[in-house]
Structure formats: structure tokens, C-alpha cells
Protein backbone atom coordinates (compact mmCIF):
# COMPACT_ATOMS: atom_id res chain seq x y z
CA MET A 1 -118.11 -8.18 -102.09
CA GLU A 2 -118.53 -5.53 -104.78
CA TYR A 3 -118.70 -1.82 -104.03
CA ALA A 4 -120.53 0.28 -106.58
CA SER A 5 -119.68 3.71 -105.18
CA PRO A 6 -116.81 5.80 -106.58
CA LEU A 7 -115.71 6.13 -102.96
CA ALA A 8 -115.73 2.36 -102.48
CA GLN A 9 -113.29 0.47 -100.33
CA PRO A 10 -111.15 -2.57 -101.29
CA ALA A 11 -112.88 -5.92 -101.03
CA PRO A 12 -112.66 -7.19 -97.43
CA ALA A 13 -111.11 -10.51 -96.53
CA ALA A 14 -113.17 -13.58 -95.71
CA THR A 15 -114.46 -13.82 -92.16
CA ALA A 16 -115.15 -16.74 -89.90
CA PRO A 17 -118.35 -18.65 -90.77
CA ILE A 18 -121.51 -17.63 -88.95
CA THR A 19 -123.09 -20.22 -86.70
CA THR A 20 -126.51 -21.30 -87.90
CA ALA A 21 -129.29 -19.73 -85.87
CA PRO A 22 -131.15 -21.98 -83.42
CA VAL A 23 -134.77 -22.80 -84.14
CA ALA A 24 -135.86 -20.79 -81.12
CA PRO A 25 -133.49 -17.90 -80.35
CA PRO A 26 -133.04 -17.24 -76.63
CA PRO A 27 -135.66 -14.69 -75.53
CA GLY A 28 -135.28 -11.76 -73.19
CA VAL A 29 -132.91 -8.91 -72.68
CA ALA A 30 -131.39 -10.61 -69.64
CA ALA A 31 -129.38 -12.86 -71.95
CA ALA A 32 -127.57 -9.88 -73.46
CA PRO A 33 -124.09 -9.07 -72.16
CA ALA A 34 -123.11 -5.52 -71.40
CA ALA A 35 -122.00 -3.53 -74.42
CA PRO A 36 -118.19 -3.86 -74.78
CA ARG A 37 -116.46 -0.62 -73.82
CA ARG A 38 -112.77 -1.37 -74.20
CA GLY A 39 -111.32 0.51 -77.15
CA ARG A 40 -114.45 2.66 -77.48
CA SER A 41 -113.67 5.73 -75.38
CA ALA A 42 -110.98 8.30 -74.70
CA PRO A 43 -109.10 7.80 -71.41
CA ILE A 44 -110.12 9.81 -68.37
CA TRP A 45 -106.69 11.40 -68.04
CA LEU A 46 -107.11 13.04 -71.45
CA PHE A 47 -110.34 14.67 -70.30
CA ALA A 48 -108.52 15.84 -67.16
CA VAL A 49 -105.82 17.45 -69.30
CA LEU A 50 -108.48 19.15 -71.42
CA ILE A 51 -110.14 20.58 -68.30
CA VAL A 52 -106.86 22.07 -67.10
CA VAL A 53 -106.13 23.59 -70.51
CA ALA A 54 -109.70 24.91 -70.70
CA VAL A 55 -109.19 26.81 -67.44
CA LEU A 56 -106.03 28.36 -68.84
CA LEU A 57 -107.81 29.33 -72.07
CA ILE A 58 -110.63 30.95 -70.12
CA GLY A 59 -108.06 32.98 -68.23
CA TYR A 60 -106.44 33.97 -71.53
CA PHE A 61 -109.74 35.16 -73.01
CA LEU A 62 -110.77 37.05 -69.88
CA THR A 63 -107.38 38.77 -69.78
CA PHE A 64 -107.18 39.85 -73.41
CA LEU A 65 -110.88 40.30 -74.26
CA GLY A 66 -112.46 41.01 -70.89
CA PRO A 67 -115.57 39.36 -69.47
CA ILE A 68 -118.14 41.30 -71.55
CA ALA A 69 -116.52 40.76 -74.96
CA SER A 70 -115.76 37.13 -74.07
CA GLY A 71 -119.36 36.53 -73.00
CA VAL A 72 -120.85 38.15 -76.09
CA GLY A 73 -118.39 36.29 -78.31
CA MET A 74 -119.31 32.97 -76.70
CA VAL A 75 -123.05 33.53 -77.14
CA LEU A 76 -122.58 34.43 -80.80
CA ALA A 77 -120.24 31.47 -81.33
CA LEU A 78 -122.81 29.06 -79.91
CA LEU A 79 -125.23 29.79 -82.76
CA PRO A 80 -123.14 28.42 -85.66
CA LEU A 81 -121.88 25.62 -83.39
CA ALA A 82 -125.44 24.47 -82.77
CA GLY A 83 -126.20 24.43 -86.49
CA VAL A 84 -123.05 22.48 -87.28
CA LEU A 85 -123.71 19.90 -84.54
CA VAL A 86 -127.22 19.31 -85.89
CA ALA A 87 -125.80 18.75 -89.38
CA VAL A 88 -123.13 16.34 -88.09
CA HIS A 89 -125.78 14.47 -86.10
CA ILE A 90 -127.77 13.94 -89.31
CA VAL A 91 -124.68 12.53 -91.02
CA ASP A 92 -124.00 10.29 -88.01
CA ARG A 93 -127.50 8.85 -87.66
CA TRP A 94 -126.77 5.59 -89.48
CA GLU A 95 -124.36 4.34 -86.83
CA PRO A 96 -124.11 6.98 -84.08
CA GLU A 97 -120.75 7.39 -82.39
CA PRO A 98 -120.51 7.06 -78.57
CA MET A 99 -121.45 10.28 -76.82
CA GLY A 100 -118.18 10.29 -74.88
CA LEU A 101 -116.21 10.39 -78.14
CA VAL A 102 -118.47 13.09 -79.55
CA VAL A 103 -117.76 15.23 -76.48
CA PHE A 104 -114.04 14.45 -76.67
CA ALA A 105 -113.82 15.38 -80.36
CA VAL A 106 -115.55 18.73 -79.85
CA ALA A 107 -113.49 19.40 -76.71
CA TRP A 108 -110.22 18.58 -78.44
CA GLY A 109 -110.99 21.06 -81.19
CA ALA A 110 -112.27 23.75 -78.84
CA ILE A 111 -109.54 23.41 -76.23
CA ALA A 112 -106.41 21.44 -77.13
CA ALA A 113 -106.20 22.36 -80.81
CA VAL A 114 -106.72 26.05 -80.05
CA ALA A 115 -104.15 26.00 -77.23
CA LEU A 116 -101.57 24.21 -79.41
CA SER A 117 -102.15 26.71 -82.22
CA LEU A 118 -101.74 29.68 -79.87
CA LEU A 119 -98.51 28.25 -78.41
CA VAL A 120 -97.00 27.61 -81.85
CA ASP A 121 -98.05 31.06 -83.05
CA LEU A 122 -96.34 32.62 -80.03
CA ALA A 123 -93.18 30.57 -80.61
CA LEU A 124 -93.03 31.55 -84.28
CA MET A 125 -93.44 35.22 -83.41
CA ILE A 126 -90.37 34.93 -81.17
CA VAL A 127 -88.26 32.80 -83.53
CA LEU A 128 -89.01 34.30 -86.92
CA PRO A 129 -87.25 37.55 -87.80
CA PRO A 130 -89.47 40.62 -88.09
CA SER A 131 -90.62 41.47 -91.61
CA GLY A 132 -93.03 43.80 -93.35
CA ALA A 133 -96.50 43.93 -91.87
CA PHE A 134 -98.21 42.68 -95.04
CA ALA A 135 -95.65 39.93 -95.65
CA ARG A 136 -95.95 38.72 -92.05
CA GLU A 137 -99.74 38.77 -92.20
CA ALA A 138 -99.77 36.92 -95.53
CA PHE A 139 -97.46 34.21 -94.21
CA SER A 140 -99.47 33.89 -91.01
CA THR A 141 -102.80 33.70 -92.83
CA VAL A 142 -102.02 31.50 -95.83
CA VAL A 143 -99.18 29.30 -94.56
CA GLN A 144 -98.83 29.31 -90.81
CA ALA A 145 -102.48 29.12 -89.79
CA PRO A 146 -103.48 26.29 -92.16
CA VAL A 147 -100.45 24.15 -91.30
CA VAL A 148 -100.47 24.68 -87.54
CA GLU A 149 -104.23 24.52 -87.05
CA GLU A 150 -104.82 21.47 -89.24
CA ILE A 151 -102.03 19.53 -87.53
CA ALA A 152 -103.45 20.47 -84.12
CA LYS A 153 -106.95 19.42 -85.14
CA GLY A 154 -105.78 16.31 -86.99
CA LEU A 155 -104.05 15.06 -83.85
CA GLY A 156 -107.49 14.78 -82.27
CA VAL A 157 -108.69 12.46 -85.05
CA LEU A 158 -105.56 10.35 -84.67
CA LEU A 159 -105.99 10.11 -80.88
CA ILE A 160 -109.55 8.87 -81.32
CA LEU A 161 -108.27 6.11 -83.59
CA VAL A 162 -105.54 5.17 -81.11
CA PHE A 163 -107.74 5.07 -78.00
CA ALA A 164 -111.13 4.17 -79.51
CA ARG A 165 -110.29 2.09 -82.58
CA ARG A 166 -113.38 -0.09 -82.09
CA SER A 167 -115.58 2.97 -82.62
CA PHE A 168 -113.71 4.02 -85.76
CA ASP A 169 -115.04 1.77 -88.52
CA GLY A 170 -114.70 3.67 -91.78
CA PRO A 171 -114.85 6.90 -93.80
CA VAL A 172 -118.16 8.11 -92.37
CA ASP A 173 -116.82 7.80 -88.82
CA GLY A 174 -113.67 9.65 -89.89
CA VAL A 175 -115.70 12.47 -91.44
CA VAL A 176 -117.86 12.72 -88.32
CA TYR A 177 -114.91 12.84 -85.91
CA GLY A 178 -113.03 15.32 -88.11
CA ALA A 179 -116.12 17.50 -88.44
CA LEU A 180 -116.68 17.51 -84.68
CA VAL A 181 -113.06 18.50 -84.01
CA GLY A 182 -113.37 21.25 -86.62
CA ALA A 183 -116.64 22.47 -85.10
CA GLY A 184 -115.05 22.74 -81.65
CA PHE A 185 -112.07 24.66 -83.04
CA ALA A 186 -114.31 27.07 -84.96
CA PHE A 187 -116.35 27.69 -81.79
CA THR A 188 -113.38 28.88 -79.74
CA GLU A 189 -111.83 30.76 -82.65
CA ASN A 190 -115.16 32.52 -83.22
CA ILE A 191 -115.20 33.69 -79.60
CA LEU A 192 -111.86 35.36 -80.22
CA TYR A 193 -112.93 36.94 -83.52
CA PHE A 194 -116.35 38.08 -82.34
CA GLY A 195 -114.98 39.47 -79.07
CA SER A 196 -112.08 41.27 -80.79
CA THR A 197 -114.26 42.92 -83.42
CA LEU A 198 -116.75 43.95 -80.75
CA ILE A 199 -113.95 45.77 -78.92
CA GLU A 200 -112.42 47.29 -82.05
CA GLY A 201 -115.47 47.95 -84.21
CA GLY A 202 -118.41 47.87 -81.84
CA VAL A 203 -121.71 46.21 -82.69
CA VAL A 204 -121.32 46.96 -86.41
CA GLY A 205 -117.94 45.23 -86.56
CA ALA A 206 -119.11 42.22 -84.58
CA THR A 207 -122.21 41.91 -86.76
CA ALA A 208 -120.14 41.95 -89.96
CA THR A 209 -117.78 39.31 -88.59
CA PHE A 210 -120.70 37.16 -87.45
CA PHE A 211 -122.20 37.39 -90.95
CA VAL A 212 -118.99 36.18 -92.60
CA ARG A 213 -117.95 33.54 -90.07
CA GLY A 214 -121.23 32.50 -88.48
CA LEU A 215 -123.54 32.55 -91.51
CA LEU A 216 -121.41 32.32 -94.65
CA SER A 217 -118.73 29.92 -93.45
CA PRO A 218 -119.77 27.94 -90.36
CA PHE A 219 -118.65 24.69 -92.03
CA ALA A 220 -115.18 25.85 -93.12
CA HIS A 221 -113.15 24.23 -90.33
CA VAL A 222 -115.58 21.32 -90.31
CA MET A 223 -114.90 20.63 -93.98
CA PHE A 224 -111.12 20.98 -93.66
CA THR A 225 -110.65 18.51 -90.83
CA ALA A 226 -113.26 16.13 -92.25
CA VAL A 227 -110.84 15.56 -95.14
CA THR A 228 -108.23 14.32 -92.65
CA GLY A 229 -110.81 12.11 -90.98
CA TYR A 230 -111.98 10.71 -94.29
CA MET A 231 -108.52 9.52 -95.28
CA VAL A 232 -107.99 7.91 -91.87
CA GLY A 233 -111.40 6.25 -92.18
CA ARG A 234 -110.54 4.83 -95.59
CA ALA A 235 -107.36 3.32 -94.16
CA VAL A 236 -109.28 1.86 -91.21
CA ARG A 237 -111.92 0.33 -93.48
CA SER A 238 -109.22 -1.45 -95.47
CA GLY A 239 -107.72 -2.93 -92.28
CA ALA A 240 -105.06 -0.42 -91.25
CA THR A 241 -103.91 -0.33 -87.62
CA PRO A 242 -103.34 3.06 -85.95
CA GLY A 243 -99.67 2.85 -86.89
CA GLN A 244 -100.47 2.00 -90.51
CA ALA A 245 -102.95 4.88 -90.68
CA ILE A 246 -100.21 7.49 -90.13
CA GLY A 247 -99.47 7.69 -93.87
CA PRO A 248 -103.12 8.27 -94.89
CA TRP A 249 -103.38 10.74 -92.00
CA PHE A 250 -100.61 12.82 -93.55
CA VAL A 251 -102.31 12.63 -96.95
CA GLY A 252 -105.60 13.83 -95.46
CA LEU A 253 -103.74 16.49 -93.54
CA ALA A 254 -102.20 17.79 -96.77
CA GLY A 255 -105.67 18.04 -98.33
CA ALA A 256 -107.02 19.88 -95.28
CA ILE A 257 -104.10 22.32 -95.32
CA VAL A 258 -104.58 23.06 -99.04
CA LEU A 259 -108.30 23.73 -98.59
CA HIS A 260 -107.62 25.88 -95.53
CA ALA A 261 -104.94 27.89 -97.35
CA LEU A 262 -107.23 28.32 -100.35
CA TRP A 263 -110.00 29.61 -98.11
CA ASN A 264 -107.76 32.04 -96.23
CA GLY A 265 -106.06 33.17 -99.42
CA SER A 266 -109.38 33.97 -101.08
CA ALA A 267 -110.23 36.24 -98.16
CA MET A 268 -106.86 38.01 -98.19
CA PHE A 269 -105.80 38.30 -101.84
CA GLY A 270 -109.01 38.16 -103.86
CA ASP A 271 -112.61 39.26 -103.90
CA PHE A 272 -113.91 37.13 -101.04
CA PHE A 273 -117.58 37.21 -102.03
CA ALA A 274 -116.86 36.50 -105.71
CA LEU A 275 -114.60 33.57 -104.80
CA TYR A 276 -117.10 32.43 -102.20
CA ILE A 277 -119.75 32.02 -104.89
CA THR A 278 -117.53 30.66 -107.67
CA LEU A 279 -115.17 28.47 -105.63
CA GLN A 280 -116.18 27.88 -102.02
CA MET A 281 -119.86 27.11 -102.64
CA PRO A 282 -119.07 24.49 -105.35
CA LEU A 283 -116.50 22.93 -103.00
CA PHE A 284 -119.11 22.73 -100.25
CA ALA A 285 -121.64 21.22 -102.68
CA LEU A 286 -119.02 18.62 -103.66
CA PHE A 287 -118.45 17.91 -99.98
CA ILE A 288 -122.18 17.29 -99.43
CA PHE A 289 -122.31 15.03 -102.48
CA GLY A 290 -119.39 13.02 -101.10
CA ILE A 291 -121.18 12.62 -97.75
CA ILE A 292 -124.26 11.26 -99.55
CA LEU A 293 -122.14 8.70 -101.41
CA LEU A 294 -120.45 7.63 -98.20
CA ARG A 295 -123.79 7.20 -96.44
CA ARG A 296 -125.02 5.00 -99.26
CA GLU A 297 -121.83 2.98 -99.12
CA GLU A 298 -122.33 2.50 -95.37
CA ALA A 299 -125.88 1.24 -95.98
CA ARG A 300 -124.69 -1.19 -98.66
CA LEU A 301 -122.03 -2.55 -96.34
CA THR A 302 -124.56 -2.99 -93.52
CA ARG A 303 -126.93 -4.78 -95.88
CA HIS A 304 -124.18 -7.12 -97.09
CA ARG A 305 -123.00 -8.05 -93.59
CA LEU A 306 -126.51 -8.55 -92.20
CA GLY A 307 -127.31 -10.57 -95.32
CA GLU A 308 -124.63 -13.04 -94.20
CA TYR A 309 -126.52 -13.49 -90.93
CA ALA A 310 -129.77 -13.88 -92.84
CA GLN A 311 -128.22 -16.74 -94.80
CA ALA A 312 -127.41 -18.41 -91.48
CA GLY A 313 -131.00 -17.97 -90.28
CA TRP A 314 -130.55 -15.15 -87.78
CA PHE A 315 -132.67 -12.68 -89.76
CA THR A 316 -135.20 -12.90 -92.53
CA THR A 317 -134.56 -11.18 -95.85
CA ALA A 318 -137.40 -8.78 -95.07
CA GLU A 319 -135.74 -7.84 -91.76
CA VAL A 320 -132.45 -7.13 -93.51
CA ASN A 321 -134.27 -4.80 -95.91
CA LEU A 322 -135.80 -2.98 -92.96
CA LEU A 323 -132.57 -2.78 -90.97
CA ALA A 324 -130.23 -1.78 -93.78
CA THR A 325 -132.11 0.89 -95.73
CA PRO A 326 -133.15 4.38 -94.56
CA ALA A 327 -136.67 3.92 -95.91
CA GLY A 328 -136.93 0.50 -94.31
CA ARG A 329 -135.87 1.87 -90.93
CA ARG A 330 -138.49 4.60 -91.12
CA ARG A 331 -141.19 2.06 -91.96
CA ALA A 332 -140.05 -0.26 -89.18
CA ILE A 333 -140.13 2.49 -86.53
CA ALA A 334 -143.53 3.72 -87.76
CA TRP A 335 -144.88 0.14 -87.58
CA ALA A 336 -143.44 -0.37 -84.07
CA ARG A 337 -145.35 2.72 -82.89
CA THR A 338 -148.62 0.95 -83.76
CA LEU A 339 -147.82 -2.01 -81.51
CA PRO A 340 -149.30 -2.13 -78.00
CA GLY A 341 -147.40 0.20 -75.71
CA ASP A 342 -145.54 1.93 -78.60
CA ARG A 343 -142.46 -0.24 -79.22
CA SER A 344 -140.62 2.26 -81.39
CA GLY A 345 -137.93 2.51 -78.70
CA ARG A 346 -137.37 -1.24 -78.85
CA MET A 347 -137.25 -1.11 -82.64
CA LYS A 348 -134.61 1.63 -82.51
CA LEU A 349 -132.59 -0.52 -80.12
CA PHE A 350 -132.89 -3.49 -82.47
CA ILE A 351 -131.73 -1.34 -85.41
CA ARG A 352 -128.84 0.08 -83.39
CA GLU A 353 -127.63 -3.33 -82.21
CA ALA A 354 -127.93 -4.86 -85.69
CA THR A 355 -125.94 -1.99 -87.21
CA ALA A 356 -123.23 -2.41 -84.57
CA LEU A 357 -123.20 -6.14 -85.33
CA ALA A 358 -122.62 -5.46 -89.04
CA ALA A 359 -119.84 -2.97 -88.27
CA THR A 360 -118.14 -5.43 -85.91
CA ARG A 361 -118.25 -8.20 -88.51
CA GLN A 362 -116.70 -5.83 -91.04
CA ARG A 363 -113.95 -5.04 -88.53
CA ALA A 364 -113.37 -8.76 -88.10
CA ALA A 365 -113.21 -9.14 -91.88
CA THR A 366 -110.30 -6.73 -92.17
CA GLY A 367 -108.32 -8.55 -89.47
CA ARG A 368 -107.26 -5.29 -87.79
CA ASP A 369 -108.95 -6.12 -84.47
CA PRO A 370 -108.06 -9.45 -82.83
CA ARG A 371 -110.98 -9.09 -80.42
CA ALA A 372 -113.56 -8.46 -83.15
CA LEU A 373 -114.68 -12.11 -83.36
CA LEU A 374 -115.43 -12.17 -79.64
CA GLU A 375 -117.26 -8.85 -79.86
CA GLU A 376 -119.19 -10.13 -82.86
CA ARG A 377 -120.65 -12.92 -80.72
CA GLU A 378 -121.45 -10.41 -77.96
CA HIS A 379 -123.21 -8.10 -80.42
CA LEU A 380 -125.09 -11.04 -81.93
CA THR A 381 -126.40 -11.99 -78.49
CA ARG A 382 -127.45 -8.40 -77.84
CA THR A 383 -129.14 -8.15 -81.25
CA VAL A 384 -131.06 -11.37 -80.73
CA ALA A 385 -132.12 -10.17 -77.27
CA ALA A 386 -133.28 -6.83 -78.69
CA ARG A 387 -135.26 -8.63 -81.41
CA ALA A 388 -136.86 -10.94 -78.83
CA ALA A 389 -137.82 -7.96 -76.65
CA LEU A 390 -139.41 -6.25 -79.65
CA PHE A 391 -141.66 -9.22 -80.36
CA ALA A 392 -142.20 -10.32 -76.75
CA PRO A 393 -145.84 -10.63 -75.57
CA SER A 394 -147.18 -7.55 -73.77
């Protein structure tokens, strides 16, 4: 197929032919198998490790900040986190990621990435020879922090690909997972910054820090790690296995480190507010523009894959237009609300299953998932069942 977007992916390989739809598709939700879960979630033991590390981090914060400063810092840090999560949810609406992976991504950033960064920082303080205060601070801010923190955060994106490769379908997924990891990291880091400035500078100091970190730059870490996720997503879309995605992961990591160093350097060596307006805001605008292009590319891919099913008789052309365009989805949900009993919920399920079907067929097209053909049949059964339930008599 052809991709019109500047961010387009290589043409996928040919897939297995689609079985022609029966004249009367099997009705009822009972015919639908359970949604396949293998390769779609992080293992329980990883969550257990995160819980243990979280307890240690809480002890660290209570020891060095105290309960009051830690509590105030957490409340303030929740505000930008909430805004970021809403923004990421909007980006992720086309094909929402499993909630378990969303929680894992945020938790990895907030717990594991922070803990790894603190441990490396402590080790470097012991190993590196003492130097001038300014030189040490400059190295820590512009070199050490970007490298250590982006590697720690990027590991979370890589782990999601390794353990949940069937929920990692392309660049948009990579951006979403990277953004969630970055949001979690920023949340915990903000607790430390807000709590520290409250102790050192009182309410005035904490307010100033909240203005800079919570209002001016809540998407900084989100944007950095999203670059890593984007490169991994591109590799995945073109058929890369987790092992083959290591190279693109390093490339994305390099981009994230450069952006992070540029951001930190502008705060330390230049006029932060001047550079914020002339450099950081255009970068953020470019980031938003890239997200829009990726969303459009995702819609085109969904339309193409569902169009293959329409040719085999599983959907009508009108249904594909409704399922694979944002405007069409809005019209379909609005129409379903007018049906007896308000069937908008069933319409949303139909849209969700059809989108998952298109993503699974794309995964089968790349050949990176041997089980994709089996899952494609499972998703087709679920989509047909959801469609039948939508149009079933009251």
C-alpha cells in the first residue's frame, strides 16, 4: 500500500487471503472468544518488584524531605500529571492501549526509572573525583542527568515491547508508552523538586518551581521519552522483533538525550525564558504536529486493512468509512445513541474490535508475530459478534 505521510512506514508484505464472508454472519456475542491476553501485559513479578522499590522510594522521600514536604510535593505533582495523562489519553483514543500496560508504563517511570537514576547518581558521586562546584553541577545537569534518566526511562519502553509485543503495533503506540513513562518520571521528580524548594525557599520558592515545572514544562520528560518510543514503534511497524528493535531504540535514545540536554542546558547556561519562547515552544509545536501526522497515518492504515475485509464481504464500504475516520466514528456513535436503548456502548465496542482487527492484520503482514494469523481469526469473530449485537433486535 502507499503511505502519503512524511512519517510513513515501508510498504508491508502481503498477508494471507481473507476468507469470504458468509451470507449470514453468526449472530450473538456468545460466539466470540475471549480477547487474547498472551503477549499483551507486563508479568506480575515486574509489578511486584515495582511495589518493593516504591516502598523504598517512599522511605527515601520521608527521610530526606519529611512527611509534610513530601505530602505537599505529591499534591502539587499530581496536578501536571493529571493534565499530561489527559493529553496522552486523547492521543491514544484511536486504538487505546490495555490499562495494565498504561499503569505499568507510568509506574516504571515513577518508580523504577527514578530509583535507577538515583542509584547511578550516587555511584557517580562516589567514583568521580571531586571538582569545582560549577563544573560538577554543569556535568550533572547537561550530561549525567540526560544520559542516565533517558536510559532508565527508555528501558521501560523496551520492556513493554519484550513482554507485550502484541500491544505494540507502531509509532503511535511507541509515543504513548514513552509519554506515559516520561509522565511517571516527571511526577516523582516533581515531588522531590517541590518538596525541596518548599523546605529551602518556603511557599514562594515552591510556587516559583511549580510555575516553571508544573505549568511551563509539564511535557518535557513526556516529549523526551516519546522520541525513544517513536523510533521503537517505527521499527515494530516495519516488522522488527524485540531484538531487532535494539538499534532503533538506541537511535531514539540518542534523540531523547539530546533534547533533554538542550532543555537542561538552556536553563543553566542561557536565558531560560527567552530560550523557552524561541526554542522550546517551537519544538513542542513540532512535536504536536508530528503526533497529528501519526494519528492520520494510523487512520489510513486502519482504513486500508478494513478495506481488505470489505472486499471479502465482511464490511460494507460505508461501514469502513465510519470505522476508520474520526468524523465517521463520531457520526456512528451519535447514530447509535438514537437506537432503542441507546446502543452507543455497542457501537464503541464494534469500533474497538474492528480497530484491533486491523492492527492484528497489519502485525500479520509484517511477519513479526507467528501467532498473528490465529489472533486475526479470533478478532474477526469478536468483531462480527460485536456487529451482530449492535444490530440485534431489541
